[in-house]
Amino acid sequence: MTKQAKQDVYTKVTDKVVAGLQKDGLKWFCPWAKSEGVMGMPINNATGKAYKGINILLLSAACADNGFEYNEWLTYKQCADKGGQVKKGSKSEMVIYWQVSFVDKDSNWYKNEDAVKAAGLTMADVQKRFAAKWFNVFNIAQCDNIEPKTPARPVDVNNDIDPIERAEAVYNNYPEAKRPTLSHGGDSAFYRPSTHSVQMPEMNRFESADAYYATLFHELVHSTGHESCLDRDLKNGFGTDKYAKEELVAEIGSMFLMGLTGLEVKNDNQQAYINGWISKLTKEPKLAISAAQRAMKAVDFITEG
């Protein structure tokens, strides 16, 4: 893929993220949790596989914006192969994927591992190269003769009991051997890498339980950057670009976890913060993809070990 083609991918994603932030603020990062009837994370209707990373944002936002009943998607060919037909005039959505190829010391390119072996080389003789690409998918609501793989259900938005219990489970289910310690007290929330510990104010210091968990999730995502976990660079000072990027990872990861637990923070002063990220994303198009990917890895680490 050429540099221009790669930049086109980043720009397409950034445009969607910026538009979503401008419309719905940080709430845009978890539309699947608040859309009546939408069944969880987006999946491919043909394979049953869940979409990951930035595709969760793109497809879930499209599902919510269009009022689709099911968060299930197909390529045009997959639809046809299943005996279906994409309805005339339907608008597709973009899915991002990474194509892996290989390059040897002489800059010879190999499209896959079989090509490397056919050239008489081993995997130790080559380096991986990743190229961002995209393809188009349609929601099953845009297709005739396609049945959903999962039944629709209303989303439980009872914030009094169940969502709080599920939120507590996020920390409790964090793999014990890697889990940071959690302490309460004071008026600041932070993660300290040197002691692998999270410090939180008492819950009654927050405007709501939802706001407490949003902050806790933010710090837990930071904690996955510890060298014993996903080993991200956490040694950057406030105001640096790397610090800002890690903050975006933590914020997106927090919104993922808020969506998964059915919680939502309402903050009227949030737009100034959001506008800062809009400016950052516009200047650095690839940031939207890389931050979402790192956030998804962090959430997977916390919830799946």
Protein backbone atom coordinates (compact mmCIF):
# COMPACT_ATOMS: atom_id res chain seq x y z
CA MET A 1 0.00 0.00 0.00
CA THR A 2 1.30 3.45 -0.87
CA LYS A 3 1.77 6.15 1.75
CA GLN A 4 -1.12 8.04 0.20
CA ALA A 5 -3.43 5.03 0.38
CA LYS A 6 -2.53 4.47 4.02
CA GLN A 7 -3.15 8.14 4.77
CA ASP A 8 -6.55 7.82 3.09
CA VAL A 9 -7.47 5.07 5.57
CA TYR A 10 -6.42 7.20 8.53
CA THR A 11 -8.27 10.21 7.16
CA LYS A 12 -11.49 8.26 6.59
CA VAL A 13 -11.47 6.94 10.14
CA THR A 14 -10.54 10.30 11.64
CA ASP A 15 -13.37 12.04 9.77
CA LYS A 16 -15.87 9.58 11.26
CA VAL A 17 -14.46 9.88 14.77
CA VAL A 18 -14.40 13.68 14.64
CA ALA A 19 -17.95 13.81 13.29
CA GLY A 20 -19.10 11.46 16.06
CA LEU A 21 -17.37 13.48 18.78
CA GLN A 22 -18.85 16.72 17.47
CA LYS A 23 -22.34 15.23 17.42
CA ASP A 24 -22.46 13.18 20.62
CA GLY A 25 -19.28 13.93 22.56
CA LEU A 26 -17.49 11.07 24.30
CA LYS A 27 -20.83 9.27 24.45
CA TRP A 28 -20.14 8.40 20.81
CA PHE A 29 -17.59 5.85 21.98
CA CYS A 30 -20.25 3.53 23.44
CA PRO A 31 -23.41 3.84 21.31
CA TRP A 32 -24.02 0.07 21.39
CA ALA A 33 -24.82 0.22 25.12
CA LYS A 34 -27.64 2.72 24.71
CA SER A 35 -29.29 1.62 21.47
CA GLU A 36 -32.62 -0.08 22.10
CA GLY A 37 -32.58 -3.59 20.66
CA VAL A 38 -28.94 -3.65 19.57
CA MET A 39 -27.30 -6.88 20.69
CA GLY A 40 -23.87 -6.01 22.05
CA MET A 41 -20.75 -5.62 19.99
CA PRO A 42 -20.80 -5.76 16.16
CA ILE A 43 -20.29 -9.16 14.55
CA ASN A 44 -19.97 -10.52 11.03
CA ASN A 45 -23.22 -12.29 10.18
CA ALA A 46 -21.49 -14.81 7.89
CA THR A 47 -18.64 -15.86 10.19
CA GLY A 48 -20.00 -14.98 13.63
CA LYS A 49 -16.70 -13.28 14.46
CA ALA A 50 -16.69 -10.05 16.47
CA TYR A 51 -15.15 -6.91 15.01
CA LYS A 52 -12.31 -5.35 17.00
CA GLY A 53 -10.64 -2.01 17.67
CA ILE A 54 -11.75 1.01 15.69
CA ASN A 55 -14.35 -1.10 13.85
CA ILE A 56 -16.37 -1.36 17.06
CA LEU A 57 -16.68 2.42 17.08
CA LEU A 58 -17.45 2.75 13.38
CA LEU A 59 -20.04 -0.03 13.12
CA SER A 60 -21.72 0.53 16.48
CA ALA A 61 -22.10 4.25 15.78
CA ALA A 62 -23.56 3.47 12.35
CA CYS A 63 -25.92 0.96 13.94
CA ALA A 64 -27.15 3.50 16.48
CA ASP A 65 -27.35 6.39 14.01
CA ASN A 66 -29.45 4.39 11.56
CA GLY A 67 -31.62 2.67 14.16
CA PHE A 68 -30.63 -0.81 12.97
CA GLU A 69 -32.12 -3.57 15.11
CA TYR A 70 -29.09 -5.84 14.89
CA ASN A 71 -25.38 -5.02 15.08
CA GLU A 72 -24.57 -7.60 12.39
CA TRP A 73 -22.76 -6.94 9.11
CA LEU A 74 -21.87 -8.54 5.77
CA THR A 75 -19.85 -7.76 2.70
CA TYR A 76 -21.78 -7.62 -0.56
CA LYS A 77 -20.32 -11.01 -1.57
CA GLN A 78 -21.09 -12.62 1.77
CA CYS A 79 -24.67 -11.47 1.44
CA ALA A 80 -24.94 -12.95 -2.06
CA ASP A 81 -23.26 -16.19 -0.96
CA LYS A 82 -25.93 -16.60 1.71
CA GLY A 83 -28.71 -16.12 -0.84
CA GLY A 84 -29.41 -12.55 0.11
CA GLN A 85 -29.44 -9.26 -1.77
CA VAL A 86 -28.29 -5.81 -0.66
CA LYS A 87 -31.19 -3.41 -1.02
CA LYS A 88 -30.84 -0.82 -3.76
CA GLY A 89 -29.50 2.51 -2.54
CA SER A 90 -28.04 1.10 0.70
CA LYS A 91 -25.00 2.95 2.01
CA SER A 92 -22.10 0.75 3.10
CA GLU A 93 -19.88 1.24 6.16
CA MET A 94 -16.10 0.97 6.26
CA VAL A 95 -14.22 -1.78 8.11
CA ILE A 96 -10.49 -1.39 8.75
CA TYR A 97 -8.08 -4.32 8.71
CA TRP A 98 -4.32 -4.77 8.70
CA GLN A 99 -2.67 -6.75 5.91
CA VAL A 100 0.55 -8.47 6.99
CA SER A 101 3.40 -8.99 4.51
CA PHE A 102 7.14 -9.57 4.84
CA VAL A 103 10.37 -7.96 3.66
CA ASP A 104 13.86 -9.46 3.64
CA LYS A 105 17.20 -7.69 4.17
CA ASP A 106 17.42 -6.95 0.44
CA SER A 107 14.02 -5.23 0.49
CA ASN A 108 12.35 -8.07 -1.40
CA TRP A 109 8.62 -8.21 -0.60
CA TYR A 110 6.64 -11.39 0.16
CA LYS A 111 2.86 -11.31 0.42
CA ASN A 112 2.58 -14.12 3.02
CA GLU A 113 4.46 -16.80 4.94
CA ASP A 114 4.08 -19.32 2.11
CA ALA A 115 5.85 -16.91 -0.24
CA VAL A 116 8.68 -16.54 2.28
CA LYS A 117 9.12 -20.31 2.53
CA ALA A 118 8.88 -20.73 -1.25
CA ALA A 119 11.85 -18.37 -1.56
CA GLY A 120 13.90 -20.68 0.68
CA LEU A 121 13.81 -18.31 3.65
CA THR A 122 12.71 -18.72 7.24
CA MET A 123 10.61 -16.29 9.24
CA ALA A 124 13.80 -15.23 11.03
CA ASP A 125 15.08 -13.90 7.70
CA VAL A 126 12.26 -11.41 7.22
CA GLN A 127 10.47 -8.59 9.00
CA LYS A 128 6.74 -8.02 9.19
CA ARG A 129 5.13 -5.08 7.45
CA PHE A 130 1.61 -3.90 8.21
CA ALA A 131 -0.62 -2.03 5.77
CA ALA A 132 -3.93 -0.46 6.76
CA LYS A 133 -6.73 -1.28 4.33
CA TRP A 134 -10.48 -1.16 4.31
CA PHE A 135 -13.50 -2.86 2.79
CA ASN A 136 -17.22 -2.15 2.85
CA VAL A 137 -19.97 -3.93 4.75
CA PHE A 138 -23.74 -3.64 5.01
CA ASN A 139 -25.98 -4.10 8.01
CA ILE A 140 -28.35 -7.06 7.71
CA ALA A 141 -31.22 -4.57 7.87
CA GLN A 142 -30.00 -3.40 4.46
CA CYS A 143 -30.19 -6.93 3.06
CA ASP A 144 -33.13 -9.05 1.91
CA ASN A 145 -33.34 -12.73 2.95
CA ILE A 146 -30.69 -12.53 5.67
CA GLU A 147 -31.57 -13.73 9.17
CA PRO A 148 -29.78 -12.47 12.30
CA LYS A 149 -27.45 -14.78 14.17
CA THR A 150 -28.48 -13.38 17.55
CA PRO A 151 -31.90 -12.32 18.87
CA ALA A 152 -32.54 -8.66 19.56
CA ARG A 153 -33.07 -7.65 23.16
CA PRO A 154 -33.66 -4.37 24.99
CA VAL A 155 -30.59 -3.04 26.76
CA ASP A 156 -30.72 -3.10 30.56
CA VAL A 157 -30.11 0.46 31.67
CA ASN A 158 -30.99 0.00 35.35
CA ASN A 159 -28.21 2.10 36.90
CA ASP A 160 -29.32 1.42 40.47
CA ILE A 161 -28.19 -2.20 40.90
CA ASP A 162 -27.10 -4.33 37.97
CA PRO A 163 -24.84 -1.86 36.13
CA ILE A 164 -23.02 -1.00 39.36
CA GLU A 165 -22.43 -4.68 40.09
CA ARG A 166 -21.13 -5.21 36.58
CA ALA A 167 -18.89 -2.19 37.01
CA GLU A 168 -17.46 -3.60 40.23
CA ALA A 169 -16.77 -6.83 38.38
CA VAL A 170 -14.48 -5.02 35.94
CA TYR A 171 -11.86 -4.51 38.65
CA ASN A 172 -12.58 -7.80 40.44
CA ASN A 173 -12.19 -9.79 37.22
CA TYR A 174 -8.96 -8.05 36.21
CA PRO A 175 -6.42 -10.95 36.21
CA GLU A 176 -5.28 -11.14 39.83
CA ALA A 177 -1.59 -11.62 39.09
CA LYS A 178 -1.53 -8.42 37.01
CA ARG A 179 -4.20 -6.37 38.80
CA PRO A 180 -3.10 -3.07 40.36
CA THR A 181 -3.89 -2.41 43.99
CA LEU A 182 -6.86 -0.10 44.56
CA SER A 183 -7.02 2.41 47.42
CA HIS A 184 -9.54 5.13 48.29
CA GLY A 185 -9.06 8.49 49.93
CA GLY A 186 -8.07 12.05 49.16
CA ASP A 187 -9.39 14.16 46.30
CA SER A 188 -7.30 12.92 43.35
CA ALA A 189 -7.58 9.94 41.03
CA PHE A 190 -4.40 8.60 39.48
CA TYR A 191 -2.41 5.51 38.50
CA ARG A 192 1.15 5.21 39.86
CA PRO A 193 3.35 2.91 37.70
CA SER A 194 6.13 2.62 40.28
CA THR A 195 3.81 0.83 42.71
CA HIS A 196 1.31 -0.45 40.12
CA SER A 197 -1.49 1.10 42.13
CA VAL A 198 -4.68 3.06 41.50
CA GLN A 199 -5.77 5.78 43.93
CA MET A 200 -9.40 6.93 43.90
CA PRO A 201 -11.45 9.40 45.97
CA GLU A 202 -14.34 7.82 47.83
CA MET A 203 -17.37 7.23 45.63
CA ASN A 204 -19.44 9.80 47.51
CA ARG A 205 -17.02 12.50 46.29
CA PHE A 206 -18.37 12.02 42.75
CA GLU A 207 -21.58 13.40 41.27
CA SER A 208 -22.79 9.88 40.53
CA ALA A 209 -21.70 6.24 40.63
CA ASP A 210 -21.39 6.41 36.83
CA ALA A 211 -18.88 9.25 37.10
CA TYR A 212 -16.89 7.29 39.69
CA TYR A 213 -16.65 4.23 37.46
CA ALA A 214 -15.73 6.30 34.40
CA THR A 215 -12.77 7.66 36.35
CA LEU A 216 -11.84 4.25 37.77
CA PHE A 217 -11.96 2.66 34.30
CA HIS A 218 -9.74 5.45 32.96
CA GLU A 219 -7.10 4.67 35.58
CA LEU A 220 -7.43 0.91 35.09
CA VAL A 221 -6.74 1.34 31.37
CA HIS A 222 -3.62 3.32 32.30
CA SER A 223 -2.58 0.43 34.53
CA THR A 224 -2.50 -1.98 31.58
CA GLY A 225 0.45 0.02 30.28
CA HIS A 226 2.60 -1.31 33.15
CA GLU A 227 5.67 -3.30 32.07
CA SER A 228 4.14 -6.46 33.55
CA CYS A 229 1.02 -6.02 31.43
CA LEU A 230 0.99 -4.48 27.92
CA ASP A 231 4.16 -2.45 28.47
CA ARG A 232 3.19 0.93 27.04
CA ASP A 233 5.42 3.96 27.65
CA LEU A 234 4.03 5.65 30.78
CA LYS A 235 7.05 7.82 31.62
CA ASN A 236 6.03 10.95 29.74
CA GLY A 237 5.39 14.28 31.39
CA PHE A 238 2.16 16.25 31.37
CA GLY A 239 1.78 18.34 28.23
CA THR A 240 3.91 16.12 25.98
CA ASP A 241 2.47 14.51 22.86
CA LYS A 242 3.08 11.01 24.22
CA TYR A 243 1.29 11.90 27.45
CA ALA A 244 -1.66 13.20 25.45
CA LYS A 245 -1.81 10.03 23.35
CA GLU A 246 -1.83 7.83 26.46
CA GLU A 247 -4.64 9.97 27.88
CA LEU A 248 -6.68 9.40 24.72
CA VAL A 249 -6.08 5.64 24.98
CA ALA A 250 -7.30 5.72 28.60
CA GLU A 251 -10.35 7.82 27.73
CA ILE A 252 -11.40 5.61 24.81
CA GLY A 253 -10.79 2.50 26.91
CA SER A 254 -12.91 3.95 29.69
CA MET A 255 -15.72 4.60 27.25
CA PHE A 256 -15.45 1.01 25.98
CA LEU A 257 -15.82 -0.26 29.55
CA MET A 258 -18.66 2.17 30.27
CA GLY A 259 -20.45 0.83 27.23
CA LEU A 260 -19.86 -2.78 28.23
CA THR A 261 -21.28 -2.16 31.71
CA GLY A 262 -24.21 -0.04 30.53
CA LEU A 263 -23.13 3.14 32.32
CA GLU A 264 -23.04 6.70 31.07
CA VAL A 265 -21.56 9.96 32.33
CA LYS A 266 -23.42 13.20 31.65
CA ASN A 267 -21.14 16.21 31.90
CA ASP A 268 -22.13 19.58 30.51
CA ASN A 269 -18.53 20.83 30.72
CA GLN A 270 -17.17 18.02 28.59
CA GLN A 271 -17.25 19.71 25.19
CA ALA A 272 -14.13 21.82 25.74
CA TYR A 273 -12.23 18.65 26.56
CA ILE A 274 -13.68 16.96 23.48
CA ASN A 275 -12.78 19.89 21.24
CA GLY A 276 -9.17 19.48 22.32
CA TRP A 277 -9.18 15.90 21.08
CA ILE A 278 -10.91 16.90 17.86
CA SER A 279 -8.05 19.31 17.18
CA LYS A 280 -5.50 16.60 18.01
CA LEU A 281 -7.17 14.01 15.80
CA THR A 282 -7.43 16.41 12.88
CA LYS A 283 -3.70 17.17 13.05
CA GLU A 284 -2.71 13.50 13.44
CA PRO A 285 -5.15 11.32 11.44
CA LYS A 286 -3.55 7.96 12.37
CA LEU A 287 -4.02 8.73 16.07
CA ALA A 288 -7.67 7.70 15.96
CA ILE A 289 -6.77 4.20 14.80
CA SER A 290 -3.75 3.63 17.02
CA ALA A 291 -5.47 4.95 20.16
CA ALA A 292 -8.56 2.80 19.61
CA GLN A 293 -6.43 -0.28 18.95
CA ARG A 294 -4.44 0.23 22.13
CA ALA A 295 -7.62 0.92 24.08
CA MET A 296 -9.20 -2.29 22.79
CA LYS A 297 -6.11 -4.29 23.77
CA ALA A 298 -6.30 -2.75 27.22
CA VAL A 299 -9.98 -3.61 27.61
CA ASP A 300 -9.36 -7.16 26.38
CA PHE A 301 -6.53 -7.49 28.89
CA ILE A 302 -8.71 -6.31 31.78
CA THR A 303 -11.77 -8.38 30.86
CA GLU A 304 -10.19 -11.49 29.36
CA GLY A 305 -6.74 -11.67 30.91
